[in-house]
């Protein structure tokens, strides 16, 4: 079952898609999110999101600056100050 992922900035919805996994640059360290991940919220450091469309696929790298990530039963939402 895929993970629903959304990347949002103050200006727009950057991405909204079902993916296999996303690696997020949290302030306490990078973390990977798969479908069924335990709910939590983390602040982001400036870094790169890695979005894996399918297992073993090459990731899409998306630079992000600031913000936070929320994981809940609907998926992963990244609210970044800047992205791309």
Protein backbone atom coordinates (compact mmCIF):
# COMPACT_ATOMS: atom_id res chain seq x y z
CA UNK A 1 0.00 0.00 0.00
CA UNK A 2 1.47 3.39 -0.93
CA UNK A 3 2.24 6.34 1.33
CA UNK A 4 0.33 9.54 0.53
CA UNK A 5 2.86 12.41 0.42
CA UNK A 6 2.23 16.15 0.19
CA UNK A 7 4.82 18.93 0.03
CA UNK A 8 3.42 22.39 0.69
CA UNK A 9 5.01 25.85 0.83
CA UNK A 10 3.30 29.12 1.83
CA UNK A 11 2.89 29.85 -1.90
CA UNK A 12 1.54 26.55 -3.24
CA UNK A 13 1.06 22.81 -3.13
CA UNK A 14 4.33 21.54 -4.64
CA UNK A 15 3.56 17.80 -4.77
CA UNK A 16 0.70 15.50 -3.86
CA UNK A 17 1.20 11.86 -4.76
CA UNK A 18 1.31 8.28 -3.57
CA UNK A 19 4.88 7.04 -3.12
CA UNK A 20 6.82 4.14 -1.60
CA UNK A 21 9.01 6.10 0.84
CA UNK A 22 10.26 9.60 1.69
CA UNK A 23 13.46 10.45 3.55
CA UNK A 24 13.08 13.70 5.50
CA UNK A 25 15.84 16.00 6.88
CA UNK A 26 14.66 16.41 10.48
CA UNK A 27 16.44 18.66 12.96
CA UNK A 28 17.33 15.58 15.04
CA UNK A 29 18.53 13.68 11.96
CA UNK A 30 17.20 12.22 8.72
CA UNK A 31 14.29 9.78 8.97
CA UNK A 32 12.49 7.59 6.48
CA UNK A 33 8.71 7.34 6.27
CA UNK A 34 6.82 4.35 4.88
CA UNK A 35 3.08 3.60 4.87
CA UNK A 36 1.94 2.75 8.41
CA UNK A 37 4.60 4.88 10.16
CA UNK A 38 3.77 5.87 13.72
CA UNK A 39 2.27 9.38 13.97
CA UNK A 40 4.61 12.21 14.93
CA UNK A 41 5.71 15.75 14.11
CA UNK A 42 9.27 16.91 13.46
CA UNK A 43 10.82 20.23 12.62
CA UNK A 44 12.97 20.34 9.48
CA UNK A 45 16.49 21.54 8.92
CA UNK A 46 17.61 22.85 5.56
CA UNK A 47 18.34 19.78 3.47
CA UNK A 48 17.00 17.44 0.81
CA UNK A 49 13.85 15.35 0.75
CA UNK A 50 14.34 12.05 -1.09
CA UNK A 51 11.13 10.75 -2.67
CA UNK A 52 11.10 7.09 -3.76
CA UNK A 53 8.21 6.34 -6.14
CA UNK A 54 8.66 2.55 -5.84
CA UNK A 55 10.93 0.08 -4.01
CA UNK A 56 14.40 0.21 -5.54
CA UNK A 57 13.59 3.28 -7.66
CA UNK A 58 16.01 6.17 -7.99
CA UNK A 59 14.86 8.93 -5.62
CA UNK A 60 13.76 12.39 -6.65
CA UNK A 61 15.72 14.94 -4.59
CA UNK A 62 13.86 18.08 -3.50
CA UNK A 63 15.75 20.78 -1.56
CA UNK A 64 13.79 22.21 1.38
CA UNK A 65 14.39 25.04 3.83
CA UNK A 66 12.80 25.11 7.27
CA UNK A 67 9.32 24.03 8.27
CA UNK A 68 8.02 20.79 9.71
CA UNK A 69 6.76 17.34 8.79
CA UNK A 70 3.64 15.64 10.13
CA UNK A 71 2.95 11.93 9.85
CA UNK A 72 -0.57 10.73 10.61
CA UNK A 73 -3.06 8.12 9.40
CA UNK A 74 -3.54 10.09 6.14
CA UNK A 75 0.18 10.02 5.26
CA UNK A 76 3.10 12.46 5.33
CA UNK A 77 2.69 16.20 4.96
CA UNK A 78 5.79 18.39 4.73
CA UNK A 79 5.16 22.10 5.29
CA UNK A 80 8.36 23.77 4.14
CA UNK A 81 9.26 27.46 4.23
CA UNK A 82 10.83 26.95 0.77
CA UNK A 83 11.08 23.96 -1.55
CA UNK A 84 12.63 23.19 -4.90
